[in-house]
PDB file of N, CA and C in Angstrom:
ATOM      1  N   UNK A   1     139.802 103.000 121.678  1.00  0.00           N
ATOM      2  CA  UNK A   1     140.681 101.999 122.241  1.00  0.00           C
ATOM      3  C   UNK A   1     141.033 102.447 123.665  1.00  0.00           C
ATOM      4  N   UNK A   2     140.835 101.553 124.623  1.00  0.00           N
ATOM      5  CA  UNK A   2     141.177 101.922 125.988  1.00  0.00           C
ATOM      6  C   UNK A   2     142.671 101.713 126.246  1.00  0.00           C
ATOM      7  N   UNK A   3     143.146 102.172 127.421  1.00  0.00           N
ATOM      8  CA  UNK A   3     144.570 102.112 127.733  1.00  0.00           C
ATOM      9  C   UNK A   3     145.092 100.677 127.737  1.00  0.00           C
ATOM     10  N   UNK A   4     144.309  99.769 128.272  1.00  0.00           N
ATOM     11  CA  UNK A   4     144.729  98.371 128.349  1.00  0.00           C
ATOM     12  C   UNK A   4     144.941  97.771 126.958  1.00  0.00           C
ATOM     13  N   UNK A   5     143.999  98.004 126.063  1.00  0.00           N
ATOM     14  CA  UNK A   5     144.119  97.493 124.693  1.00  0.00           C
ATOM     15  C   UNK A   5     145.314  98.126 123.986  1.00  0.00           C
ATOM     16  N   UNK A   6     145.466  99.428 124.150  1.00  0.00           N
ATOM     17  CA  UNK A   6     146.593 100.122 123.524  1.00  0.00           C
ATOM     18  C   UNK A   6     147.921  99.574 124.037  1.00  0.00           C
ATOM     19  N   UNK A   7     148.000  99.349 125.329  1.00  0.00           N
ATOM     20  CA  UNK A   7     149.235  98.827 125.914  1.00  0.00           C
ATOM     21  C   UNK A   7     149.509  97.412 125.412  1.00  0.00           C
ATOM     22  N   UNK A   8     148.475  96.593 125.303  1.00  0.00           N
ATOM     23  CA  UNK A   8     148.648  95.234 124.769  1.00  0.00           C
ATOM     24  C   UNK A   8     149.132  95.260 123.321  1.00  0.00           C
ATOM     25  N   UNK A   9     148.568  96.151 122.519  1.00  0.00           N
ATOM     26  CA  UNK A   9     149.002  96.296 121.127  1.00  0.00           C
ATOM     27  C   UNK A   9     150.476  96.706 121.099  1.00  0.00           C
ATOM     28  N   UNK A  10     150.819  97.695 121.925  1.00  0.00           N
ATOM     29  CA  UNK A  10     152.211  98.156 122.001  1.00  0.00           C
ATOM     30  C   UNK A  10     153.140  97.013 122.391  1.00  0.00           C
ATOM     31  N   UNK A  11     152.795  96.261 123.442  1.00  0.00           N
ATOM     32  CA  UNK A  11     153.664  95.171 123.909  1.00  0.00           C
ATOM     33  C   UNK A  11     153.852  94.102 122.839  1.00  0.00           C
ATOM     34  N   UNK A  12     152.771  93.711 122.200  1.00  0.00           N
ATOM     35  CA  UNK A  12     152.880  92.678 121.160  1.00  0.00           C
ATOM     36  C   UNK A  12     153.775  93.148 120.003  1.00  0.00           C
ATOM     37  N   UNK A  13     153.609  94.394 119.594  1.00  0.00           N
ATOM     38  CA  UNK A  13     154.431  94.945 118.506  1.00  0.00           C
ATOM     39  C   UNK A  13     155.883  95.068 118.950  1.00  0.00           C
ATOM     40  N   UNK A  14     156.118  95.521 120.166  1.00  0.00           N
ATOM     41  CA  UNK A  14     157.481  95.648 120.676  1.00  0.00           C
ATOM     42  C   UNK A  14     158.166  94.294 120.744  1.00  0.00           C
ATOM     43  N   UNK A  15     157.446  93.276 121.194  1.00  0.00           N
ATOM     44  CA  UNK A  15     158.018  91.933 121.264  1.00  0.00           C
ATOM     45  C   UNK A  15     158.308  91.406 119.869  1.00  0.00           C
ATOM     46  N   UNK A  16     157.378  91.598 118.932  1.00  0.00           N
ATOM     47  CA  UNK A  16     157.593  91.072 117.579  1.00  0.00           C
ATOM     48  C   UNK A  16     158.743  91.779 116.859  1.00  0.00           C
ATOM     49  N   UNK A  17     158.943  93.077 117.161  1.00  0.00           N
ATOM     50  CA  UNK A  17     160.026  93.838 116.515  1.00  0.00           C
ATOM     51  C   UNK A  17     161.303  93.867 117.350  1.00  0.00           C
ATOM     52  N   UNK A  18     161.206  93.384 118.594  1.00  0.00           N
ATOM     53  CA  UNK A  18     162.336  93.417 119.528  1.00  0.00           C
ATOM     54  C   UNK A  18     162.865  94.840 119.690  1.00  0.00           C
ATOM     55  N   UNK A  19     161.932  95.807 119.720  1.00  0.00           N
ATOM     56  CA  UNK A  19     162.289  97.226 119.838  1.00  0.00           C
ATOM     57  C   UNK A  19     161.017  98.032 120.082  1.00  0.00           C
ATOM     58  N   UNK A  20     161.171  99.282 120.494  1.00  0.00           N
ATOM     59  CA  UNK A  20     160.019 100.176 120.586  1.00  0.00           C
ATOM     60  C   UNK A  20     159.540 100.423 119.156  1.00  0.00           C
ATOM     61  N   UNK A  21     158.254 100.196 118.884  1.00  0.00           N
ATOM     62  CA  UNK A  21     157.776 100.224 117.500  1.00  0.00           C
ATOM     63  C   UNK A  21     157.477 101.605 116.922  1.00  0.00           C
ATOM     64  N   UNK A  22     158.097 102.637 117.449  1.00  0.00           N
ATOM     65  CA  UNK A  22     157.931 103.983 116.907  1.00  0.00           C
ATOM     66  C   UNK A  22     159.110 104.831 117.358  1.00  0.00           C
ATOM     67  N   UNK A  23     159.401 105.913 116.639  1.00  0.00           N
ATOM     68  CA  UNK A  23     160.510 106.775 117.063  1.00  0.00           C
ATOM     69  C   UNK A  23     160.158 107.497 118.363  1.00  0.00           C
ATOM     70  N   UNK A  24     161.135 107.642 119.226  1.00  0.00           N
ATOM     71  CA  UNK A  24     160.938 108.321 120.505  1.00  0.00           C
ATOM     72  C   UNK A  24     161.793 109.580 120.514  1.00  0.00           C
ATOM     73  N   UNK A  25     161.166 110.696 120.866  1.00  0.00           N
ATOM     74  CA  UNK A  25     161.877 111.964 120.899  1.00  0.00           C
ATOM     75  C   UNK A  25     161.388 112.791 122.077  1.00  0.00           C
ATOM     76  N   UNK A  26     162.281 113.530 122.694  1.00  0.00           N
ATOM     77  CA  UNK A  26     161.891 114.435 123.777  1.00  0.00           C
ATOM     78  C   UNK A  26     161.901 115.885 123.302  1.00  0.00           C
ATOM     79  N   UNK A  27     162.173 116.096 122.039  1.00  0.00           N
ATOM     80  CA  UNK A  27     162.224 117.431 121.481  1.00  0.00           C
ATOM     81  C   UNK A  27     160.869 118.122 121.646  1.00  0.00           C
ATOM     82  N   UNK A  28     160.889 119.323 122.174  1.00  0.00           N
ATOM     83  CA  UNK A  28     159.685 120.143 122.354  1.00  0.00           C
ATOM     84  C   UNK A  28     158.628 119.483 123.233  1.00  0.00           C
ATOM     85  N   UNK A  29     159.052 118.677 124.185  1.00  0.00           N
ATOM     86  CA  UNK A  29     158.101 118.018 125.062  1.00  0.00           C
ATOM     87  C   UNK A  29     158.022 118.740 126.398  1.00  0.00           C
ATOM     88  N   UNK A  30     156.865 119.341 126.672  1.00  0.00           N
ATOM     89  CA  UNK A  30     156.674 120.042 127.938  1.00  0.00           C
ATOM     90  C   UNK A  30     156.693 119.057 129.101  1.00  0.00           C
ATOM     91  N   UNK A  31     156.157 117.859 128.895  1.00  0.00           N
ATOM     92  CA  UNK A  31     156.130 116.848 129.951  1.00  0.00           C
ATOM     93  C   UNK A  31     157.554 116.529 130.407  1.00  0.00           C
ATOM     94  N   UNK A  32     158.448 116.330 129.471  1.00  0.00           N
ATOM     95  CA  UNK A  32     159.836 116.014 129.809  1.00  0.00           C
ATOM     96  C   UNK A  32     160.483 117.186 130.531  1.00  0.00           C
ATOM     97  N   UNK A  33     160.212 118.390 130.098  1.00  0.00           N
ATOM     98  CA  UNK A  33     160.842 119.565 130.701  1.00  0.00           C
ATOM     99  C   UNK A  33     160.352 119.793 132.129  1.00  0.00           C
ATOM    100  N   UNK A  34     159.109 119.462 132.417  1.00  0.00           N
ATOM    101  CA  UNK A  34     158.524 119.738 133.725  1.00  0.00           C
ATOM    102  C   UNK A  34     158.776 118.655 134.776  1.00  0.00           C
ATOM    103  N   UNK A  35     159.208 117.481 134.363  1.00  0.00           N
ATOM    104  CA  UNK A  35     159.373 116.367 135.292  1.00  0.00           C
ATOM    105  C   UNK A  35     160.762 115.746 135.149  1.00  0.00           C
ATOM    106  N   UNK A  36     161.310 115.280 136.260  1.00  0.00           N
ATOM    107  CA  UNK A  36     162.594 114.574 136.209  1.00  0.00           C
ATOM    108  C   UNK A  36     162.368 113.172 135.645  1.00  0.00           C
ATOM    109  N   UNK A  37     163.440 112.544 135.231  1.00  0.00           N
ATOM    110  CA  UNK A  37     163.346 111.183 134.705  1.00  0.00           C
ATOM    111  C   UNK A  37     162.776 110.248 135.772  1.00  0.00           C
ATOM    112  N   UNK A  38     163.187 110.428 137.024  1.00  0.00           N
ATOM    113  CA  UNK A  38     162.666 109.593 138.116  1.00  0.00           C
ATOM    114  C   UNK A  38     161.167 109.803 138.316  1.00  0.00           C
ATOM    115  N   UNK A  39     160.696 111.043 138.192  1.00  0.00           N
ATOM    116  CA  UNK A  39     159.265 111.328 138.343  1.00  0.00           C
ATOM    117  C   UNK A  39     158.458 110.692 137.212  1.00  0.00           C
ATOM    118  N   UNK A  40     158.990 110.728 136.007  1.00  0.00           N
ATOM    119  CA  UNK A  40     158.311 110.111 134.862  1.00  0.00           C
ATOM    120  C   UNK A  40     158.250 108.601 135.054  1.00  0.00           C
ATOM    121  N   UNK A  41     159.365 108.007 135.462  1.00  0.00           N
ATOM    122  CA  UNK A  41     159.408 106.559 135.702  1.00  0.00           C
ATOM    123  C   UNK A  41     158.407 106.175 136.776  1.00  0.00           C
ATOM    124  N   UNK A  42     158.382 106.916 137.875  1.00  0.00           N
ATOM    125  CA  UNK A  42     157.459 106.634 138.972  1.00  0.00           C
ATOM    126  C   UNK A  42     156.005 106.783 138.511  1.00  0.00           C
ATOM    127  N   UNK A  43     155.704 107.818 137.745  1.00  0.00           N
ATOM    128  CA  UNK A  43     154.341 108.017 137.239  1.00  0.00           C
ATOM    129  C   UNK A  43     153.918 106.852 136.341  1.00  0.00           C
ATOM    130  N   UNK A  44     154.826 106.373 135.505  1.00  0.00           N
ATOM    131  CA  UNK A  44     154.526 105.238 134.628  1.00  0.00           C
ATOM    132  C   UNK A  44     154.288 103.975 135.451  1.00  0.00           C
ATOM    133  N   UNK A  45     155.174 103.714 136.416  1.00  0.00           N
ATOM    134  CA  UNK A  45     155.031 102.523 137.250  1.00  0.00           C
ATOM    135  C   UNK A  45     153.713 102.552 138.030  1.00  0.00           C
ATOM    136  N   UNK A  46     153.364 103.724 138.559  1.00  0.00           N
ATOM    137  CA  UNK A  46     152.098 103.864 139.283  1.00  0.00           C
ATOM    138  C   UNK A  46     150.902 103.595 138.372  1.00  0.00           C
ATOM    139  N   UNK A  47     150.953 104.104 137.146  1.00  0.00           N
ATOM    140  CA  UNK A  47     149.861 103.890 136.192  1.00  0.00           C
ATOM    141  C   UNK A  47     149.713 102.406 135.859  1.00  0.00           C
ATOM    142  N   UNK A  48     150.827 101.731 135.666  1.00  0.00           N
ATOM    143  CA  UNK A  48     150.796 100.295 135.364  1.00  0.00           C
ATOM    144  C   UNK A  48     150.210  99.525 136.549  1.00  0.00           C
ATOM    145  N   UNK A  49     150.642  99.845 137.769  1.00  0.00           N
ATOM    146  CA  UNK A  49     150.121  99.164 138.952  1.00  0.00           C
ATOM    147  C   UNK A  49     148.618  99.386 139.120  1.00  0.00           C
ATOM    148  N   UNK A  50     148.155 100.609 138.864  1.00  0.00           N
ATOM    149  CA  UNK A  50     146.714 100.888 138.941  1.00  0.00           C
ATOM    150  C   UNK A  50     145.944 100.043 137.927  1.00  0.00           C
ATOM    151  N   UNK A  51     146.478  99.941 136.729  1.00  0.00           N
ATOM    152  CA  UNK A  51     145.825  99.143 135.678  1.00  0.00           C
ATOM    153  C   UNK A  51     145.782  97.668 136.074  1.00  0.00           C
ATOM    154  N   UNK A  52     146.865  97.150 136.617  1.00  0.00           N
ATOM    155  CA  UNK A  52     146.919  95.746 137.044  1.00  0.00           C
ATOM    156  C   UNK A  52     145.893  95.494 138.156  1.00  0.00           C
ATOM    157  N   UNK A  53     145.843  96.369 139.139  1.00  0.00           N
ATOM    158  CA  UNK A  53     144.896  96.201 140.252  1.00  0.00           C
ATOM    159  C   UNK A  53     143.454  96.253 139.762  1.00  0.00           C
ATOM    160  N   UNK A  54     143.163  97.173 138.842  1.00  0.00           N
ATOM    161  CA  UNK A  54     141.818  97.277 138.290  1.00  0.00           C
ATOM    162  C   UNK A  54     141.444  95.979 137.563  1.00  0.00           C
ATOM    163  N   UNK A  55     142.371  95.447 136.783  1.00  0.00           N
ATOM    164  CA  UNK A  55     142.095  94.212 136.044  1.00  0.00           C
ATOM    165  C   UNK A  55     141.890  93.042 137.000  1.00  0.00           C
ATOM    166  N   UNK A  56     142.727  92.952 138.038  1.00  0.00           N
ATOM    167  CA  UNK A  56     142.572  91.873 139.017  1.00  0.00           C
ATOM    168  C   UNK A  56     141.204  91.952 139.690  1.00  0.00           C
ATOM    169  N   UNK A  57     140.787  93.144 140.063  1.00  0.00           N
ATOM    170  CA  UNK A  57     139.490  93.323 140.718  1.00  0.00           C
ATOM    171  C   UNK A  57     138.345  92.901 139.809  1.00  0.00           C
ATOM    172  N   UNK A  58     138.498  93.118 138.504  1.00  0.00           N
ATOM    173  CA  UNK A  58     137.448  92.767 137.546  1.00  0.00           C
ATOM    174  C   UNK A  58     137.592  91.343 137.006  1.00  0.00           C
ATOM    175  N   UNK A  59     138.674  90.645 137.389  1.00  0.00           N
ATOM    176  CA  UNK A  59     138.892  89.279 136.904  1.00  0.00           C
ATOM    177  C   UNK A  59     139.341  89.223 135.456  1.00  0.00           C
ATOM    178  N   UNK A  60     139.983  90.283 134.982  1.00  0.00           N
ATOM    179  CA  UNK A  60     140.435  90.373 133.591  1.00  0.00           C
ATOM    180  C   UNK A  60     141.891  89.906 133.522  1.00  0.00           C
ATOM    181  N   UNK A  61     142.265  89.118 132.503  1.00  0.00           N
ATOM    182  CA  UNK A  61     143.660  88.690 132.370  1.00  0.00           C
ATOM    183  C   UNK A  61     144.604  89.884 132.224  1.00  0.00           C
ATOM    184  N   UNK A  62     145.826  89.703 132.695  1.00  0.00           N
ATOM    185  CA  UNK A  62     146.828  90.764 132.689  1.00  0.00           C
ATOM    186  C   UNK A  62     147.939  90.392 131.714  1.00  0.00           C
ATOM    187  N   UNK A  63     148.302  91.329 130.836  1.00  0.00           N
ATOM    188  CA  UNK A  63     149.414  91.103 129.905  1.00  0.00           C
ATOM    189  C   UNK A  63     150.721  91.219 130.682  1.00  0.00           C
ATOM    190  N   UNK A  64     151.578  90.225 130.515  1.00  0.00           N
ATOM    191  CA  UNK A  64     152.872  90.207 131.204  1.00  0.00           C
ATOM    192  C   UNK A  64     153.949  89.766 130.214  1.00  0.00           C
ATOM    193  N   UNK A  65     155.193  89.837 130.667  1.00  0.00           N
ATOM    194  CA  UNK A  65     156.323  89.402 129.837  1.00  0.00           C
ATOM    195  C   UNK A  65     157.223  88.513 130.683  1.00  0.00           C
ATOM    196  N   UNK A  66     157.555  87.352 130.156  1.00  0.00           N
ATOM    197  CA  UNK A  66     158.435  86.399 130.826  1.00  0.00           C
ATOM    198  C   UNK A  66     159.853  86.615 130.315  1.00  0.00           C
ATOM    199  N   UNK A  67     160.696  87.232 131.133  1.00  0.00           N
ATOM    200  CA  UNK A  67     162.070  87.526 130.728  1.00  0.00           C
ATOM    201  C   UNK A  67     162.896  86.282 130.493  1.00  0.00           C
ATOM    202  N   UNK A  68     162.555  85.199 131.183  1.00  0.00           N
ATOM    203  CA  UNK A  68     163.304  83.954 131.033  1.00  0.00           C
ATOM    204  C   UNK A  68     163.073  83.321 129.657  1.00  0.00           C
ATOM    205  N   UNK A  69     161.805  83.246 129.243  1.00  0.00           N
ATOM    206  CA  UNK A  69     161.485  82.650 127.944  1.00  0.00           C
ATOM    207  C   UNK A  69     161.427  83.696 126.835  1.00  0.00           C
ATOM    208  N   UNK A  70     161.459  84.987 127.241  1.00  0.00           N
ATOM    209  CA  UNK A  70     161.372  86.107 126.301  1.00  0.00           C
ATOM    210  C   UNK A  70     160.078  86.057 125.486  1.00  0.00           C
ATOM    211  N   UNK A  71     158.977  85.783 126.190  1.00  0.00           N
ATOM    212  CA  UNK A  71     157.670  85.708 125.541  1.00  0.00           C
ATOM    213  C   UNK A  71     156.638  86.480 126.347  1.00  0.00           C
ATOM    214  N   UNK A  72     155.719  87.122 125.644  1.00  0.00           N
ATOM    215  CA  UNK A  72     154.591  87.787 126.279  1.00  0.00           C
ATOM    216  C   UNK A  72     153.526  86.744 126.592  1.00  0.00           C
ATOM    217  N   UNK A  73     152.762  86.995 127.648  1.00  0.00           N
ATOM    218  CA  UNK A  73     151.691  86.080 127.999  1.00  0.00           C
ATOM    219  C   UNK A  73     150.572  86.819 128.716  1.00  0.00           C
ATOM    220  N   UNK A  74     149.417  86.180 128.766  1.00  0.00           N
ATOM    221  CA  UNK A  74     148.301  86.677 129.563  1.00  0.00           C
ATOM    222  C   UNK A  74     148.272  85.853 130.838  1.00  0.00           C
ATOM    223  N   UNK A  75     148.129  86.540 131.979  1.00  0.00           N
ATOM    224  CA  UNK A  75     148.003  85.859 133.264  1.00  0.00           C
ATOM    225  C   UNK A  75     146.558  86.000 133.716  1.00  0.00           C
ATOM    226  N   UNK A  76     145.876  84.860 133.890  1.00  0.00           N
ATOM    227  CA  UNK A  76     144.478  84.850 134.282  1.00  0.00           C
ATOM    228  C   UNK A  76     144.352  84.909 135.802  1.00  0.00           C
ATOM    229  N   UNK A  77     143.188  85.310 136.303  1.00  0.00           N
ATOM    230  CA  UNK A  77     143.007  85.435 137.745  1.00  0.00           C
ATOM    231  C   UNK A  77     143.348  84.155 138.531  1.00  0.00           C
ATOM    232  N   UNK A  78     143.185  82.990 137.906  1.00  0.00           N
ATOM    233  CA  UNK A  78     143.502  81.730 138.593  1.00  0.00           C
ATOM    234  C   UNK A  78     144.995  81.384 138.526  1.00  0.00           C
ATOM    235  N   UNK A  79     145.815  82.272 137.906  1.00  0.00           N
ATOM    236  CA  UNK A  79     147.260  82.047 137.820  1.00  0.00           C
ATOM    237  C   UNK A  79     147.707  81.376 136.527  1.00  0.00           C
ATOM    238  N   UNK A  80     146.745  80.892 135.727  1.00  0.00           N
ATOM    239  CA  UNK A  80     147.097  80.249 134.465  1.00  0.00           C
ATOM    240  C   UNK A  80     147.735  81.270 133.518  1.00  0.00           C
ATOM    241  N   UNK A  81     148.719  80.806 132.755  1.00  0.00           N
ATOM    242  CA  UNK A  81     149.386  81.668 131.771  1.00  0.00           C
ATOM    243  C   UNK A  81     149.092  81.170 130.358  1.00  0.00           C
ATOM    244  N   UNK A  82     148.797  82.103 129.468  1.00  0.00           N
ATOM    245  CA  UNK A  82     148.608  81.792 128.049  1.00  0.00           C
ATOM    246  C   UNK A  82     149.632  82.606 127.280  1.00  0.00           C
ATOM    247  N   UNK A  83     150.635  81.921 126.724  1.00  0.00           N
ATOM    248  CA  UNK A  83     151.716  82.613 126.021  1.00  0.00           C
ATOM    249  C   UNK A  83     151.275  83.018 124.617  1.00  0.00           C
ATOM    250  N   UNK A  84     151.765  84.170 124.179  1.00  0.00           N
ATOM    251  CA  UNK A  84     151.461  84.681 122.838  1.00  0.00           C
ATOM    252  C   UNK A  84     152.090  83.776 121.798  1.00  0.00           C
ATOM    253  N   UNK A  85     151.375  83.571 120.723  1.00  0.00           N
ATOM    254  CA  UNK A  85     151.898  82.763 119.622  1.00  0.00           C
ATOM    255  C   UNK A  85     152.404  83.669 118.537  1.00  0.00           C
ATOM    256  N   UNK A  86     153.497  83.291 117.911  1.00  0.00           N
ATOM    257  CA  UNK A  86     154.068  84.111 116.829  1.00  0.00           C
ATOM    258  C   UNK A  86     153.464  83.738 115.521  1.00  0.00           C
TER     259      UNK A  86
END
């Protein structure tokens, strides 16, 4: 499973459960100990932006979330949106 597919699975599950779909812990995490919260946030945001740019270049739809309607959707290169069905 590539990162894009994994992220889409995560987003769909998070939306359906209205929560992170697994327990989150920083106990015994070297990554957390070595980086500040701001550095982790920045690294995540950079990774997401790289993935979005790669998908746009390849013409692949991008998974997004509409905060107004509270629904996940795919955004196609032509701007069309396809909302997830429950």
